[in-house]
Protein backbone atom coordinates (compact mmCIF):
# COMPACT_ATOMS: atom_id res chain seq x y z
CA MET A 1 109.15 -136.68 -80.33
CA GLU A 2 109.83 -136.01 -83.99
CA GLN A 3 111.96 -132.92 -84.50
CA GLN A 4 110.35 -130.15 -86.55
CA LEU A 5 112.60 -128.68 -89.22
CA GLU A 6 112.51 -124.93 -89.71
CA HIS A 7 112.17 -123.61 -93.24
CA PRO A 8 115.22 -121.53 -94.28
CA ILE A 9 113.22 -118.30 -94.54
CA GLU A 10 111.30 -118.63 -91.26
CA LYS A 11 113.96 -116.62 -89.44
CA TYR A 12 113.14 -113.63 -91.65
CA LEU A 13 109.41 -113.71 -90.87
CA ARG A 14 107.52 -112.11 -88.00
CA LYS A 15 105.85 -114.39 -85.47
CA PRO A 16 103.05 -115.24 -85.44
CA PHE A 17 103.08 -115.24 -89.24
CA ARG A 18 100.02 -113.84 -91.01
CA ASN A 19 99.42 -113.73 -94.76
CA PRO A 20 97.28 -110.62 -95.40
CA PHE A 21 97.05 -111.07 -99.18
CA CYS A 22 94.04 -112.11 -101.24
CA ALA A 23 93.78 -115.82 -102.02
CA GLY A 24 95.96 -116.70 -104.98
CA CYS A 25 97.95 -113.43 -105.04
CA GLY A 26 101.40 -113.83 -106.57
CA GLU A 27 103.13 -111.19 -104.47
CA PRO A 28 103.97 -113.45 -101.48
CA GLN A 29 105.72 -115.75 -103.97
CA VAL A 30 108.01 -112.89 -105.00
CA LEU A 31 108.71 -112.12 -101.35
CA TYR A 32 109.57 -115.80 -100.82
CA ALA A 33 112.03 -115.75 -103.73
CA THR A 34 113.62 -112.55 -102.37
CA LEU A 35 114.09 -113.92 -98.85
CA ARG A 36 115.35 -117.22 -100.25
CA ALA A 37 117.95 -115.31 -102.27
CA VAL A 38 119.08 -113.36 -99.18
CA ASP A 39 119.40 -116.63 -97.26
CA GLU A 40 121.27 -118.51 -99.98
CA LEU A 41 123.74 -115.63 -100.33
CA ASN A 42 124.26 -115.82 -96.54
CA LEU A 43 123.87 -112.05 -96.26
CA ASP A 44 123.77 -110.15 -93.00
CA ALA A 45 120.05 -109.33 -92.80
CA ASP A 46 120.87 -106.13 -90.89
CA LYS A 47 122.60 -104.84 -94.04
CA VAL A 48 119.75 -105.65 -96.42
CA PRO A 49 117.04 -102.99 -95.99
CA ILE A 50 113.84 -103.74 -97.88
CA LEU A 51 111.90 -100.76 -99.18
CA VAL A 52 108.30 -100.75 -100.34
CA GLY A 53 106.18 -97.97 -101.76
CA ILE A 54 102.40 -97.77 -101.97
CA GLY A 55 100.61 -100.88 -103.18
CA CYS A 56 99.43 -104.26 -101.98
CA PHE A 57 103.07 -105.15 -101.24
CA ILE A 58 103.11 -102.60 -98.40
CA GLN A 59 101.82 -105.55 -96.33
CA PHE A 60 105.38 -106.92 -96.37
CA ARG A 61 106.07 -104.55 -93.46
CA SER A 62 103.97 -106.73 -91.16
CA MET A 63 105.41 -109.99 -92.51
CA VAL A 64 109.18 -109.53 -92.55
CA ASN A 65 111.42 -109.44 -89.47
CA MET A 66 114.02 -107.23 -91.15
CA ASP A 67 114.47 -103.51 -91.68
CA VAL A 68 111.48 -102.78 -93.91
CA GLY A 69 110.61 -99.19 -94.76
CA SER A 70 107.75 -97.71 -96.73
CA THR A 71 107.94 -94.42 -98.58
CA LEU A 72 105.65 -92.01 -100.33
CA HIS A 73 104.07 -93.35 -103.51
CA GLY A 74 106.78 -93.91 -106.13
CA ARG A 75 109.64 -92.67 -103.97
CA THR A 76 111.40 -95.89 -102.94
CA ILE A 77 114.27 -95.40 -105.39
CA PRO A 78 115.47 -91.96 -104.17
CA PHE A 79 115.12 -93.22 -100.58
CA ALA A 80 117.29 -96.26 -101.42
CA THR A 81 119.77 -94.00 -103.23
CA GLY A 82 120.14 -91.95 -100.05
CA LEU A 83 120.75 -95.06 -97.98
CA LYS A 84 123.41 -96.26 -100.40
CA LEU A 85 125.15 -92.87 -100.40
CA ILE A 86 125.24 -92.66 -96.61
CA LYS A 87 126.02 -96.33 -95.92
CA PRO A 88 127.67 -97.92 -98.98
CA GLU A 89 127.92 -101.29 -97.23
CA LEU A 90 124.12 -101.70 -97.40
CA LYS A 91 122.41 -103.71 -100.14
CA PRO A 92 118.98 -102.08 -100.53
CA ILE A 93 116.25 -104.16 -102.14
CA ILE A 94 113.14 -102.46 -103.44
CA LEU A 95 109.90 -104.41 -103.79
CA THR A 96 107.51 -102.26 -105.76
CA GLY A 97 104.56 -102.47 -108.12
CA ASP A 98 104.31 -101.53 -111.77
CA GLY A 99 102.33 -98.38 -110.92
CA ASP A 100 104.54 -97.39 -108.00
CA ALA A 101 107.75 -97.89 -110.00
CA ALA A 102 106.86 -96.91 -113.54
CA SER A 103 103.90 -94.51 -113.33
CA ILE A 104 104.22 -92.13 -110.40
CA GLY A 105 107.82 -93.24 -109.85
CA GLY A 106 108.79 -93.46 -113.52
CA ASN A 107 111.31 -90.60 -113.53
CA HIS A 108 113.09 -92.00 -110.47
CA LEU A 109 113.28 -95.39 -112.21
CA ILE A 110 114.91 -94.19 -115.41
CA HIS A 111 117.29 -91.75 -113.74
CA ALA A 112 118.50 -94.30 -111.17
CA ALA A 113 119.17 -96.66 -114.08
CA ARG A 114 120.96 -93.83 -115.94
CA ARG A 115 123.10 -93.03 -112.91
CA ASN A 116 123.66 -96.74 -112.27
CA VAL A 117 122.92 -96.63 -108.54
CA ASP A 118 123.88 -99.87 -106.77
CA ILE A 119 120.40 -101.00 -105.70
CA THR A 120 118.16 -103.92 -106.61
CA VAL A 121 114.68 -103.10 -107.87
CA ILE A 122 112.11 -105.90 -108.13
CA VAL A 123 108.87 -104.85 -109.82
CA LEU A 124 105.79 -106.95 -109.13
CA ASN A 125 103.78 -106.53 -112.32
CA ASN A 126 100.14 -107.58 -112.09
CA GLY A 127 99.01 -105.44 -115.02
CA SER A 128 96.75 -103.10 -113.06
CA TYR A 129 96.53 -100.82 -110.02
CA ALA A 130 95.33 -103.62 -107.78
CA ASN A 131 95.65 -101.75 -104.49
CA THR A 132 93.18 -99.04 -105.52
CA GLY A 133 90.55 -101.03 -107.41
CA GLY A 134 92.10 -102.61 -110.48
CA GLN A 135 92.44 -99.57 -112.73
CA MET A 136 94.42 -99.60 -115.98
CA ALA A 137 98.18 -99.25 -115.51
CA CYS A 138 101.09 -98.31 -117.75
CA THR A 139 101.77 -102.05 -118.07
CA THR A 140 98.21 -103.21 -118.84
CA PRO A 141 98.36 -105.33 -122.02
CA LEU A 142 96.52 -104.13 -125.11
CA LYS A 143 92.86 -105.21 -125.16
CA ALA A 144 92.98 -106.25 -121.49
CA HIS A 145 90.00 -105.29 -119.34
CA THR A 146 90.28 -103.32 -116.11
CA THR A 147 87.88 -101.23 -114.03
CA THR A 148 88.84 -98.16 -116.10
CA SER A 149 89.13 -99.95 -119.46
CA PRO A 150 85.94 -102.10 -119.46
CA TYR A 151 86.01 -102.30 -123.27
CA GLY A 152 89.70 -103.15 -123.47
CA CYS A 153 92.95 -101.21 -123.09
CA VAL A 154 93.95 -99.18 -126.15
CA GLU A 155 97.13 -97.66 -124.68
CA GLN A 156 100.48 -99.17 -125.63
CA PRO A 157 102.05 -100.63 -122.46
CA PHE A 158 105.60 -100.05 -121.33
CA ASP A 159 108.13 -102.82 -121.80
CA LEU A 160 109.81 -102.10 -118.47
CA CYS A 161 112.88 -104.18 -119.22
CA LYS A 162 113.57 -102.34 -122.47
CA LEU A 163 112.91 -99.04 -120.70
CA VAL A 164 115.56 -99.55 -118.01
CA GLU A 165 117.96 -101.22 -120.43
CA GLY A 166 117.81 -98.11 -122.63
CA ALA A 167 118.29 -95.91 -119.57
CA GLY A 168 121.53 -97.70 -118.66
CA ALA A 169 120.84 -100.42 -116.06
CA SER A 170 123.66 -102.88 -115.37
CA TYR A 171 121.39 -105.89 -114.87
CA VAL A 172 117.93 -106.51 -116.35
CA ALA A 173 115.77 -109.64 -116.19
CA ARG A 174 112.14 -110.70 -116.33
CA TRP A 175 110.41 -113.78 -114.88
CA SER A 176 106.99 -114.77 -113.62
CA THR A 177 105.72 -116.53 -110.51
CA VAL A 178 105.76 -119.72 -112.60
CA HIS A 179 109.57 -119.40 -112.71
CA LEU A 180 110.38 -119.21 -108.99
CA THR A 181 113.67 -121.11 -109.25
CA GLN A 182 114.89 -118.84 -112.04
CA LEU A 183 113.57 -115.77 -110.21
CA THR A 184 115.47 -116.68 -107.04
CA LYS A 185 118.69 -117.20 -109.00
CA SER A 186 118.15 -113.90 -110.80
CA ILE A 187 117.62 -112.00 -107.52
CA LYS A 188 120.90 -113.43 -106.22
CA GLU A 189 122.68 -112.24 -109.36
CA ALA A 190 121.03 -108.82 -109.07
CA ILE A 191 122.07 -108.37 -105.44
CA ASN A 192 125.66 -109.30 -106.28
CA LYS A 193 125.77 -107.01 -109.33
CA LYS A 194 127.48 -103.68 -108.79
CA GLY A 195 125.16 -101.09 -110.29
CA PHE A 196 121.45 -100.70 -110.97
CA ALA A 197 119.81 -104.14 -111.08
CA PHE A 198 116.23 -104.50 -112.26
CA ILE A 199 113.96 -107.53 -112.25
CA GLU A 200 110.36 -107.53 -113.46
CA CYS A 201 108.19 -110.35 -112.16
CA LEU A 202 104.72 -111.09 -113.52
CA ALA A 203 102.64 -111.69 -110.38
CA GLN A 204 99.06 -112.88 -110.70
CA CYS A 205 96.09 -110.92 -109.34
CA PRO A 206 93.09 -113.21 -109.85
CA VAL A 207 90.75 -111.07 -107.73
CA LEU A 208 90.98 -108.01 -110.01
CA TYR A 209 92.99 -108.44 -113.21
CA GLY A 210 92.08 -112.11 -113.51
CA ARG A 211 88.39 -111.65 -112.79
CA TYR A 212 88.07 -108.91 -115.40
CA ASN A 213 89.87 -111.06 -117.98
CA LYS A 214 88.08 -114.39 -117.50
CA MET A 215 90.76 -115.83 -115.21
CA PRO A 216 89.08 -115.66 -111.78
CA ALA A 217 91.29 -118.27 -110.08
CA ALA A 218 95.03 -118.16 -109.47
CA VAL A 219 95.50 -121.41 -111.38
CA ASP A 220 93.87 -119.76 -114.42
CA MET A 221 96.46 -116.98 -114.40
CA ILE A 222 99.33 -119.39 -113.78
CA ARG A 223 98.26 -121.44 -116.79
CA TRP A 224 98.06 -118.18 -118.76
CA TYR A 225 101.63 -117.27 -117.76
CA LYS A 226 102.77 -120.74 -118.83
CA ARG A 227 101.08 -120.22 -122.18
CA ILE A 228 102.33 -116.71 -122.96
CA CYS A 229 105.84 -116.76 -121.47
CA VAL A 230 108.73 -117.92 -123.64
CA THR A 231 112.37 -117.87 -122.64
CA LYS A 232 114.88 -115.64 -124.37
CA SER A 233 116.54 -118.66 -126.01
CA GLN A 234 113.17 -119.90 -127.30
CA ALA A 235 112.27 -116.44 -128.60
CA GLU A 236 115.47 -116.24 -130.64
CA LYS A 237 114.21 -119.19 -132.72
CA MET A 238 110.68 -117.83 -133.19
CA SER A 239 109.30 -115.60 -135.93
CA GLU A 240 107.67 -112.23 -135.29
CA ASP A 241 104.24 -113.79 -135.86
CA GLU A 242 104.99 -116.59 -133.40
CA LEU A 243 106.05 -114.03 -130.78
CA LYS A 244 102.81 -112.07 -131.10
CA ASP A 245 101.01 -111.97 -127.73
CA LYS A 246 103.99 -113.69 -126.05
CA ILE A 247 106.12 -112.30 -123.22
CA VAL A 248 109.83 -113.03 -123.31
CA VAL A 249 111.40 -113.96 -119.98
CA GLY A 250 115.04 -114.36 -119.05
CA LYS A 251 118.15 -112.29 -118.41
CA PHE A 252 118.53 -109.47 -120.93
CA VAL A 253 121.41 -107.34 -119.60
CA ASP A 254 124.49 -108.08 -117.50
CA ARG A 255 127.13 -105.42 -118.05
CA ASP A 256 129.64 -103.36 -116.12
CA ARG A 257 129.43 -99.58 -115.85
CA PRO A 258 130.77 -97.03 -113.35
CA GLU A 259 128.57 -97.08 -110.23
CA PHE A 260 127.04 -93.81 -109.08
CA THR A 261 127.75 -93.80 -105.33
CA GLU A 262 131.38 -94.86 -105.88
CA GLU A 263 131.82 -92.04 -108.37
CA ILE A 264 130.30 -89.58 -105.87
CA ARG A 265 132.76 -90.70 -103.18
CA LYS A 266 135.67 -90.32 -105.62
CA LEU A 267 134.46 -86.83 -106.44
CA ASN A 268 134.24 -85.96 -102.73
CA GLN A 269 137.83 -87.11 -102.19
CA LEU A 270 138.97 -85.10 -105.19
CA THR A 271 137.29 -81.89 -104.03
CA ARG A 272 138.63 -82.28 -100.49
CA GLY A 273 142.14 -82.46 -101.88
CA ALA A 274 141.67 -79.51 -104.22
């Protein structure tokens, strides 16, 4: 009998495995890249808690055979900060949406970056509030159509990478589901980086965002990502006009700063000796 080979990430998945996501959703691809990064780093899965907030990605709880916790809407970052303070040996990974992280959780996002807390935050950006009906989000591109902007979005969207870079993050990158190899490598770098590590990943939602923007199939959105995404090195050679309507992907920040939980422990030692 021919021996069946197990995929490297199967050991991290619940059995029997069930994919609860809509057909063509990009979020399972981001989960795959995350688990692949954990496996390739040969990390102790018991020391890698995964935290999810409120959004479609909350389904990861039923898919992953690891410590997966869900929090109140937008509150994954303070929860992860608490874990890191209590058990510094842990490597918390947050899988969150653009609304969960940057709308209701926006203050937690910028202040964790400012403090430089040693956690990894991966934002799955599908350009809308897909879990609640496809409403306009703080990341919805200008002129894009959603259930609450049927005539096109007129609000300037956040550039999440610039936001957290300005707040003080130690590591910042952006990729899309088209760039799974680069995304996996970036997640590995983020996990190994001491300090606040942030990765934005464009993840297609053909059922809501795509359907409202004439891209009703996953392949339509993937082709769109291929068309609008340019790497950082490519962007450096392009004019402002050429970069119009493009999204730059790549690694933007990789710097060293004092890490928050280490500084807190130093302070505790100092006050005990005072």
